[in-house]
PDB file of N, CA and C in Angstrom:
ATOM      1  N   MET A   1     -36.094 -14.749  -9.942  1.00  0.00           N
ATOM      2  CA  MET A   1     -35.033 -14.524 -10.897  1.00  0.00           C
ATOM      3  C   MET A   1     -34.159 -13.347 -10.474  1.00  0.00           C
ATOM      4  N   SER A   2     -34.769 -12.277  -9.969  1.00  0.00           N
ATOM      5  CA  SER A   2     -33.975 -11.123  -9.566  1.00  0.00           C
ATOM      6  C   SER A   2     -33.103 -11.447  -8.353  1.00  0.00           C
ATOM      7  N   THR A   3     -33.577 -12.340  -7.492  1.00  0.00           N
ATOM      8  CA  THR A   3     -32.772 -12.761  -6.345  1.00  0.00           C
ATOM      9  C   THR A   3     -31.529 -13.500  -6.827  1.00  0.00           C
ATOM     10  N   LEU A   4     -31.681 -14.333  -7.818  1.00  0.00           N
ATOM     11  CA  LEU A   4     -30.555 -15.067  -8.376  1.00  0.00           C
ATOM     12  C   LEU A   4     -29.536 -14.102  -8.981  1.00  0.00           C
ATOM     13  N   ARG A   5     -30.013 -13.113  -9.700  1.00  0.00           N
ATOM     14  CA  ARG A   5     -29.114 -12.115 -10.286  1.00  0.00           C
ATOM     15  C   ARG A   5     -28.349 -11.373  -9.190  1.00  0.00           C
ATOM     16  N   PHE A   6     -29.037 -11.025  -8.134  1.00  0.00           N
ATOM     17  CA  PHE A   6     -28.398 -10.326  -7.017  1.00  0.00           C
ATOM     18  C   PHE A   6     -27.310 -11.186  -6.391  1.00  0.00           C
ATOM     19  N   VAL A   7     -27.612 -12.449  -6.143  1.00  0.00           N
ATOM     20  CA  VAL A   7     -26.638 -13.368  -5.539  1.00  0.00           C
ATOM     21  C   VAL A   7     -25.418 -13.519  -6.449  1.00  0.00           C
ATOM     22  N   VAL A   8     -25.651 -13.656  -7.735  1.00  0.00           N
ATOM     23  CA  VAL A   8     -24.544 -13.784  -8.682  1.00  0.00           C
ATOM     24  C   VAL A   8     -23.712 -12.504  -8.699  1.00  0.00           C
ATOM     25  N   ALA A   9     -24.357 -11.359  -8.708  1.00  0.00           N
ATOM     26  CA  ALA A   9     -23.635 -10.084  -8.726  1.00  0.00           C
ATOM     27  C   ALA A   9     -22.782  -9.907  -7.474  1.00  0.00           C
ATOM     28  N   VAL A  10     -23.326 -10.240  -6.326  1.00  0.00           N
ATOM     29  CA  VAL A  10     -22.579 -10.130  -5.076  1.00  0.00           C
ATOM     30  C   VAL A  10     -21.400 -11.097  -5.073  1.00  0.00           C
ATOM     31  N   THR A  11     -21.603 -12.301  -5.537  1.00  0.00           N
ATOM     32  CA  THR A  11     -20.544 -13.297  -5.594  1.00  0.00           C
ATOM     33  C   THR A  11     -19.408 -12.829  -6.507  1.00  0.00           C
ATOM     34  N   VAL A  12     -19.756 -12.296  -7.645  1.00  0.00           N
ATOM     35  CA  VAL A  12     -18.744 -11.793  -8.578  1.00  0.00           C
ATOM     36  C   VAL A  12     -17.992 -10.615  -7.959  1.00  0.00           C
ATOM     37  N   ALA A  13     -18.694  -9.724  -7.299  1.00  0.00           N
ATOM     38  CA  ALA A  13     -18.049  -8.564  -6.675  1.00  0.00           C
ATOM     39  C   ALA A  13     -17.082  -8.993  -5.585  1.00  0.00           C
ATOM     40  N   ILE A  14     -17.475  -9.965  -4.794  1.00  0.00           N
ATOM     41  CA  ILE A  14     -16.601 -10.456  -3.727  1.00  0.00           C
ATOM     42  C   ILE A  14     -15.376 -11.132  -4.326  1.00  0.00           C
ATOM     43  N   ALA A  15     -15.568 -11.924  -5.335  1.00  0.00           N
ATOM     44  CA  ALA A  15     -14.454 -12.633  -5.970  1.00  0.00           C
ATOM     45  C   ALA A  15     -13.510 -11.664  -6.669  1.00  0.00           C
ATOM     46  N   ALA A  16     -14.030 -10.590  -7.201  1.00  0.00           N
ATOM     47  CA  ALA A  16     -13.198  -9.626  -7.923  1.00  0.00           C
ATOM     48  C   ALA A  16     -12.533  -8.619  -6.997  1.00  0.00           C
ATOM     49  N   GLY A  17     -12.924  -8.569  -5.750  1.00  0.00           N
ATOM     50  CA  GLY A  17     -12.371  -7.597  -4.808  1.00  0.00           C
ATOM     51  C   GLY A  17     -10.862  -7.500  -4.825  1.00  0.00           C
ATOM     52  N   PRO A  18     -10.137  -8.611  -4.684  1.00  0.00           N
ATOM     53  CA  PRO A  18      -8.682  -8.533  -4.705  1.00  0.00           C
ATOM     54  C   PRO A  18      -8.118  -7.983  -6.017  1.00  0.00           C
ATOM     55  N   ALA A  19      -8.829  -8.163  -7.099  1.00  0.00           N
ATOM     56  CA  ALA A  19      -8.349  -7.651  -8.378  1.00  0.00           C
ATOM     57  C   ALA A  19      -8.362  -6.131  -8.412  1.00  0.00           C
ATOM     58  N   PHE A  20      -9.202  -5.513  -7.592  1.00  0.00           N
ATOM     59  CA  PHE A  20      -9.293  -4.065  -7.569  1.00  0.00           C
ATOM     60  C   PHE A  20      -8.373  -3.431  -6.538  1.00  0.00           C
ATOM     61  N   ALA A  21      -7.684  -4.227  -5.747  1.00  0.00           N
ATOM     62  CA  ALA A  21      -6.769  -3.684  -4.749  1.00  0.00           C
ATOM     63  C   ALA A  21      -5.582  -3.041  -5.458  1.00  0.00           C
ATOM     64  N   ALA A  22      -5.137  -1.924  -4.910  1.00  0.00           N
ATOM     65  CA  ALA A  22      -4.013  -1.223  -5.503  1.00  0.00           C
ATOM     66  C   ALA A  22      -2.715  -1.967  -5.208  1.00  0.00           C
ATOM     67  N   SER A  23      -1.829  -1.994  -6.192  1.00  0.00           N
ATOM     68  CA  SER A  23      -0.525  -2.603  -5.961  1.00  0.00           C
ATOM     69  C   SER A  23       0.323  -1.617  -5.161  1.00  0.00           C
ATOM     70  N   GLY A  24       1.389  -2.127  -4.567  1.00  0.00           N
ATOM     71  CA  GLY A  24       2.291  -1.262  -3.804  1.00  0.00           C
ATOM     72  C   GLY A  24       2.850  -0.144  -4.663  1.00  0.00           C
ATOM     73  N   ALA A  25       3.207  -0.458  -5.899  1.00  0.00           N
ATOM     74  CA  ALA A  25       3.742   0.555  -6.810  1.00  0.00           C
ATOM     75  C   ALA A  25       2.695   1.634  -7.093  1.00  0.00           C
ATOM     76  N   ASP A  26       1.433   1.214  -7.235  1.00  0.00           N
ATOM     77  CA  ASP A  26       0.359   2.181  -7.477  1.00  0.00           C
ATOM     78  C   ASP A  26       0.164   3.099  -6.276  1.00  0.00           C
ATOM     79  N   VAL A  27       0.232   2.527  -5.083  1.00  0.00           N
ATOM     80  CA  VAL A  27       0.068   3.334  -3.860  1.00  0.00           C
ATOM     81  C   VAL A  27       1.208   4.333  -3.740  1.00  0.00           C
ATOM     82  N   VAL A  28       2.435   3.856  -3.942  1.00  0.00           N
ATOM     83  CA  VAL A  28       3.611   4.735  -3.855  1.00  0.00           C
ATOM     84  C   VAL A  28       3.477   5.884  -4.848  1.00  0.00           C
ATOM     85  N   LYS A  29       3.023   5.581  -6.043  1.00  0.00           N
ATOM     86  CA  LYS A  29       2.862   6.617  -7.069  1.00  0.00           C
ATOM     87  C   LYS A  29       1.737   7.591  -6.709  1.00  0.00           C
ATOM     88  N   SER A  30       0.600   7.053  -6.306  1.00  0.00           N
ATOM     89  CA  SER A  30      -0.563   7.909  -6.044  1.00  0.00           C
ATOM     90  C   SER A  30      -0.381   8.798  -4.812  1.00  0.00           C
ATOM     91  N   LYS A  31       0.405   8.331  -3.855  1.00  0.00           N
ATOM     92  CA  LYS A  31       0.631   9.119  -2.632  1.00  0.00           C
ATOM     93  C   LYS A  31       1.822  10.059  -2.762  1.00  0.00           C
ATOM     94  N   GLY A  32       2.507  10.027  -3.898  1.00  0.00           N
ATOM     95  CA  GLY A  32       3.609  10.956  -4.141  1.00  0.00           C
ATOM     96  C   GLY A  32       4.881  10.637  -3.368  1.00  0.00           C
ATOM     97  N   CYS A  33       5.077   9.391  -3.016  1.00  0.00           N
ATOM     98  CA  CYS A  33       6.249   9.005  -2.217  1.00  0.00           C
ATOM     99  C   CYS A  33       7.565   9.349  -2.907  1.00  0.00           C
ATOM    100  N   ASN A  34       7.589   9.218  -4.233  1.00  0.00           N
ATOM    101  CA  ASN A  34       8.822   9.503  -4.970  1.00  0.00           C
ATOM    102  C   ASN A  34       9.203  10.973  -4.921  1.00  0.00           C
ATOM    103  N   ASN A  35       8.247  11.840  -4.653  1.00  0.00           N
ATOM    104  CA  ASN A  35       8.553  13.270  -4.597  1.00  0.00           C
ATOM    105  C   ASN A  35       9.630  13.572  -3.572  1.00  0.00           C
ATOM    106  N   CYS A  36       9.641  12.870  -2.469  1.00  0.00           N
ATOM    107  CA  CYS A  36      10.672  13.073  -1.443  1.00  0.00           C
ATOM    108  C   CYS A  36      11.763  12.002  -1.515  1.00  0.00           C
ATOM    109  N   HIS A  37      11.349  10.752  -1.626  1.00  0.00           N
ATOM    110  CA  HIS A  37      12.321   9.662  -1.523  1.00  0.00           C
ATOM    111  C   HIS A  37      13.281   9.596  -2.705  1.00  0.00           C
ATOM    112  N   ALA A  38      12.934  10.177  -3.835  1.00  0.00           N
ATOM    113  CA  ALA A  38      13.839  10.196  -4.980  1.00  0.00           C
ATOM    114  C   ALA A  38      14.778  11.388  -4.928  1.00  0.00           C
ATOM    115  N   LYS A  39      14.455  12.377  -4.084  1.00  0.00           N
ATOM    116  CA  LYS A  39      15.238  13.615  -4.073  1.00  0.00           C
ATOM    117  C   LYS A  39      15.992  13.844  -2.767  1.00  0.00           C
ATOM    118  N   MET A  40      15.294  13.699  -1.619  1.00  0.00           N
ATOM    119  CA  MET A  40      15.955  14.066  -0.369  1.00  0.00           C
ATOM    120  C   MET A  40      15.798  13.048   0.757  1.00  0.00           C
ATOM    121  N   GLY A  41      14.707  12.315   0.763  1.00  0.00           N
ATOM    122  CA  GLY A  41      14.502  11.321   1.813  1.00  0.00           C
ATOM    123  C   GLY A  41      15.370  10.108   1.562  1.00  0.00           C
ATOM    124  N   PRO A  42      15.381   9.147   2.471  1.00  0.00           N
ATOM    125  CA  PRO A  42      16.135   7.932   2.168  1.00  0.00           C
ATOM    126  C   PRO A  42      15.540   7.243   0.940  1.00  0.00           C
ATOM    127  N   SER A  43      16.408   6.717   0.100  1.00  0.00           N
ATOM    128  CA  SER A  43      15.922   6.022  -1.091  1.00  0.00           C
ATOM    129  C   SER A  43      15.213   4.734  -0.678  1.00  0.00           C
ATOM    130  N   PHE A  44      14.401   4.221  -1.578  1.00  0.00           N
ATOM    131  CA  PHE A  44      13.709   2.968  -1.293  1.00  0.00           C
ATOM    132  C   PHE A  44      14.721   1.842  -1.083  1.00  0.00           C
ATOM    133  N   LYS A  45      15.820   1.883  -1.818  1.00  0.00           N
ATOM    134  CA  LYS A  45      16.861   0.861  -1.652  1.00  0.00           C
ATOM    135  C   LYS A  45      17.469   0.934  -0.255  1.00  0.00           C
ATOM    136  N   ASP A  46      17.693   2.144   0.255  1.00  0.00           N
ATOM    137  CA  ASP A  46      18.236   2.305   1.608  1.00  0.00           C
ATOM    138  C   ASP A  46      17.257   1.795   2.659  1.00  0.00           C
ATOM    139  N   ILE A  47      15.982   2.072   2.456  1.00  0.00           N
ATOM    140  CA  ILE A  47      14.953   1.597   3.398  1.00  0.00           C
ATOM    141  C   ILE A  47      14.917   0.071   3.376  1.00  0.00           C
ATOM    142  N   ALA A  48      14.940  -0.505   2.183  1.00  0.00           N
ATOM    143  CA  ALA A  48      14.889  -1.967   2.048  1.00  0.00           C
ATOM    144  C   ALA A  48      16.114  -2.624   2.673  1.00  0.00           C
ATOM    145  N   ALA A  49      17.271  -1.963   2.568  1.00  0.00           N
ATOM    146  CA  ALA A  49      18.509  -2.532   3.102  1.00  0.00           C
ATOM    147  C   ALA A  49      18.468  -2.656   4.625  1.00  0.00           C
ATOM    148  N   LYS A  50      17.686  -1.810   5.279  1.00  0.00           N
ATOM    149  CA  LYS A  50      17.586  -1.865   6.743  1.00  0.00           C
ATOM    150  C   LYS A  50      16.776  -3.065   7.220  1.00  0.00           C
ATOM    151  N   LYS A  51      15.986  -3.638   6.327  1.00  0.00           N
ATOM    152  CA  LYS A  51      15.153  -4.809   6.644  1.00  0.00           C
ATOM    153  C   LYS A  51      14.360  -4.604   7.938  1.00  0.00           C
ATOM    154  N   GLY A  52      13.670  -3.479   8.005  1.00  0.00           N
ATOM    155  CA  GLY A  52      12.876  -3.151   9.188  1.00  0.00           C
ATOM    156  C   GLY A  52      11.616  -3.994   9.308  1.00  0.00           C
ATOM    157  N   ASP A  53      11.020  -3.926  10.473  1.00  0.00           N
ATOM    158  CA  ASP A  53       9.767  -4.635  10.758  1.00  0.00           C
ATOM    159  C   ASP A  53       8.643  -3.983   9.959  1.00  0.00           C
ATOM    160  N   GLN A  54       7.995  -4.754   9.105  1.00  0.00           N
ATOM    161  CA  GLN A  54       6.969  -4.187   8.227  1.00  0.00           C
ATOM    162  C   GLN A  54       5.786  -3.620   9.004  1.00  0.00           C
ATOM    163  N   ALA A  55       5.389  -4.277  10.081  1.00  0.00           N
ATOM    164  CA  ALA A  55       4.264  -3.765  10.874  1.00  0.00           C
ATOM    165  C   ALA A  55       4.627  -2.408  11.478  1.00  0.00           C
ATOM    166  N   ALA A  56       5.857  -2.251  11.923  1.00  0.00           N
ATOM    167  CA  ALA A  56       6.307  -0.980  12.486  1.00  0.00           C
ATOM    168  C   ALA A  56       6.371   0.095  11.402  1.00  0.00           C
ATOM    169  N   GLN A  57       6.772  -0.304  10.201  1.00  0.00           N
ATOM    170  CA  GLN A  57       6.820   0.659   9.098  1.00  0.00           C
ATOM    171  C   GLN A  57       5.419   1.140   8.725  1.00  0.00           C
ATOM    172  N   VAL A  58       4.459   0.233   8.694  1.00  0.00           N
ATOM    173  CA  VAL A  58       3.070   0.607   8.399  1.00  0.00           C
ATOM    174  C   VAL A  58       2.561   1.560   9.472  1.00  0.00           C
ATOM    175  N   ALA A  59       2.829   1.244  10.738  1.00  0.00           N
ATOM    176  CA  ALA A  59       2.383   2.098  11.851  1.00  0.00           C
ATOM    177  C   ALA A  59       2.998   3.482  11.744  1.00  0.00           C
ATOM    178  N   LYS A  60       4.264   3.553  11.367  1.00  0.00           N
ATOM    179  CA  LYS A  60       4.959   4.835  11.222  1.00  0.00           C
ATOM    180  C   LYS A  60       4.267   5.706  10.166  1.00  0.00           C
ATOM    181  N   LEU A  61       3.888   5.101   9.055  1.00  0.00           N
ATOM    182  CA  LEU A  61       3.209   5.839   7.993  1.00  0.00           C
ATOM    183  C   LEU A  61       1.803   6.253   8.415  1.00  0.00           C
ATOM    184  N   LYS A  62       1.129   5.351   9.110  1.00  0.00           N
ATOM    185  CA  LYS A  62      -0.253   5.585   9.518  1.00  0.00           C
ATOM    186  C   LYS A  62      -0.352   6.665  10.600  1.00  0.00           C
ATOM    187  N   GLU A  63       0.592   6.636  11.548  1.00  0.00           N
ATOM    188  CA  GLU A  63       0.543   7.546  12.690  1.00  0.00           C
ATOM    189  C   GLU A  63       1.298   8.852  12.457  1.00  0.00           C
ATOM    190  N   GLY A  64       2.170   8.887  11.462  1.00  0.00           N
ATOM    191  CA  GLY A  64       2.924  10.097  11.187  1.00  0.00           C
ATOM    192  C   GLY A  64       4.031  10.358  12.186  1.00  0.00           C
ATOM    193  N   LYS A  65       4.636   9.318  12.702  1.00  0.00           N
ATOM    194  CA  LYS A  65       5.738   9.470  13.654  1.00  0.00           C
ATOM    195  C   LYS A  65       7.051   9.182  12.931  1.00  0.00           C
ATOM    196  N   GLY A  66       7.850  10.233  12.730  1.00  0.00           N
ATOM    197  CA  GLY A  66       9.113  10.072  12.028  1.00  0.00           C
ATOM    198  C   GLY A  66       8.966  10.081  10.517  1.00  0.00           C
ATOM    199  N   HIS A  67       7.761  10.286  10.059  1.00  0.00           N
ATOM    200  CA  HIS A  67       7.456  10.323   8.624  1.00  0.00           C
ATOM    201  C   HIS A  67       6.120  11.049   8.497  1.00  0.00           C
ATOM    202  N   PRO A  68       5.933  11.843   7.452  1.00  0.00           N
ATOM    203  CA  PRO A  68       4.612  12.472   7.286  1.00  0.00           C
ATOM    204  C   PRO A  68       3.501  11.421   7.279  1.00  0.00           C
ATOM    205  N   LYS A  69       2.394  11.747   7.912  1.00  0.00           N
ATOM    206  CA  LYS A  69       1.248  10.832   7.982  1.00  0.00           C
ATOM    207  C   LYS A  69       0.685  10.609   6.586  1.00  0.00           C
ATOM    208  N   ILE A  70       0.414   9.352   6.281  1.00  0.00           N
ATOM    209  CA  ILE A  70      -0.136   8.988   4.977  1.00  0.00           C
ATOM    210  C   ILE A  70      -1.572   8.518   5.162  1.00  0.00           C
ATOM    211  N   SER A  71      -2.483   9.150   4.450  1.00  0.00           N
ATOM    212  CA  SER A  71      -3.898   8.759   4.501  1.00  0.00           C
ATOM    213  C   SER A  71      -4.137   7.657   3.486  1.00  0.00           C
ATOM    214  N   ALA A  72      -4.232   6.442   3.988  1.00  0.00           N
ATOM    215  CA  ALA A  72      -4.501   5.292   3.130  1.00  0.00           C
ATOM    216  C   ALA A  72      -4.979   4.150   4.019  1.00  0.00           C
ATOM    217  N   SER A  73      -5.583   3.176   3.403  1.00  0.00           N
ATOM    218  CA  SER A  73      -6.044   2.012   4.165  1.00  0.00           C
ATOM    219  C   SER A  73      -4.837   1.202   4.638  1.00  0.00           C
ATOM    220  N   ASP A  74      -5.044   0.397   5.665  1.00  0.00           N
ATOM    221  CA  ASP A  74      -3.972  -0.478   6.146  1.00  0.00           C
ATOM    222  C   ASP A  74      -3.480  -1.389   5.026  1.00  0.00           C
ATOM    223  N   LYS A  75      -4.404  -1.865   4.219  1.00  0.00           N
ATOM    224  CA  LYS A  75      -4.069  -2.758   3.108  1.00  0.00           C
ATOM    225  C   LYS A  75      -3.153  -2.048   2.103  1.00  0.00           C
ATOM    226  N   ASP A  76      -3.485  -0.802   1.775  1.00  0.00           N
ATOM    227  CA  ASP A  76      -2.660  -0.038   0.840  1.00  0.00           C
ATOM    228  C   ASP A  76      -1.297   0.287   1.439  1.00  0.00           C
ATOM    229  N   LEU A  77      -1.267   0.653   2.719  1.00  0.00           N
ATOM    230  CA  LEU A  77       0.011   0.947   3.366  1.00  0.00           C
ATOM    231  C   LEU A  77       0.895  -0.295   3.404  1.00  0.00           C
ATOM    232  N   LYS A  78       0.294  -1.428   3.696  1.00  0.00           N
ATOM    233  CA  LYS A  78       1.062  -2.674   3.727  1.00  0.00           C
ATOM    234  C   LYS A  78       1.617  -2.982   2.336  1.00  0.00           C
ATOM    235  N   ALA A  79       0.812  -2.784   1.306  1.00  0.00           N
ATOM    236  CA  ALA A  79       1.269  -3.024  -0.066  1.00  0.00           C
ATOM    237  C   ALA A  79       2.428  -2.098  -0.422  1.00  0.00           C
ATOM    238  N   ALA A  80       2.336  -0.833  -0.012  1.00  0.00           N
ATOM    239  CA  ALA A  80       3.411   0.125  -0.288  1.00  0.00           C
ATOM    240  C   ALA A  80       4.692  -0.275   0.432  1.00  0.00           C
ATOM    241  N   VAL A  81       4.581  -0.672   1.701  1.00  0.00           N
ATOM    242  CA  VAL A  81       5.749  -1.090   2.476  1.00  0.00           C
ATOM    243  C   VAL A  81       6.378  -2.333   1.848  1.00  0.00           C
ATOM    244  N   GLU A  82       5.573  -3.279   1.445  1.00  0.00           N
ATOM    245  CA  GLU A  82       6.100  -4.479   0.799  1.00  0.00           C
ATOM    246  C   GLU A  82       6.819  -4.135  -0.505  1.00  0.00           C
ATOM    247  N   PHE A  83       6.260  -3.201  -1.256  1.00  0.00           N
ATOM    248  CA  PHE A  83       6.888  -2.765  -2.511  1.00  0.00           C
ATOM    249  C   PHE A  83       8.244  -2.124  -2.235  1.00  0.00           C
ATOM    250  N   VAL A  84       8.279  -1.209  -1.282  1.00  0.00           N
ATOM    251  CA  VAL A  84       9.531  -0.519  -0.957  1.00  0.00           C
ATOM    252  C   VAL A  84      10.575  -1.508  -0.454  1.00  0.00           C
ATOM    253  N   ASN A  85      10.168  -2.408   0.418  1.00  0.00           N
ATOM    254  CA  ASN A  85      11.124  -3.374   0.976  1.00  0.00           C
ATOM    255  C   ASN A  85      11.619  -4.386  -0.061  1.00  0.00           C
ATOM    256  N   ALA A  86      10.944  -4.494  -1.183  1.00  0.00           N
ATOM    257  CA  ALA A  86      11.378  -5.412  -2.244  1.00  0.00           C
ATOM    258  C   ALA A  86      12.412  -4.769  -3.171  1.00  0.00           C
ATOM    259  N   GLN A  87      12.661  -3.474  -3.008  1.00  0.00           N
ATOM    260  CA  GLN A  87      13.627  -2.783  -3.882  1.00  0.00           C
ATOM    261  C   GLN A  87      15.046  -3.199  -3.526  1.00  0.00           C
ATOM    262  N   LYS A  88      15.857  -3.394  -4.539  1.00  0.00           N
ATOM    263  CA  LYS A  88      17.247  -3.802  -4.301  1.00  0.00           C
ATOM    264  C   LYS A  88      18.197  -2.991  -5.106  1.00  0.00           C
TER     265      LYS A  88
END
């Protein structure tokens, strides 16, 4: 019986995993992106207008080249980039 409970718990956790992923807006907020981009950095609308390569944008954030390095998972960085690029 305990094995069955364990299997069910693991299955539920795996299925719920995507529900716990942070949205792009949540990542942008939690990492303080608006602190610069709303005041002095390029606005999200300006970034979106350039229609840059999303993989290159994620790498830029991850590596800190041309932008302060952001400590976040690749998944979170991708979500943030997708959120920013969706701004119009």
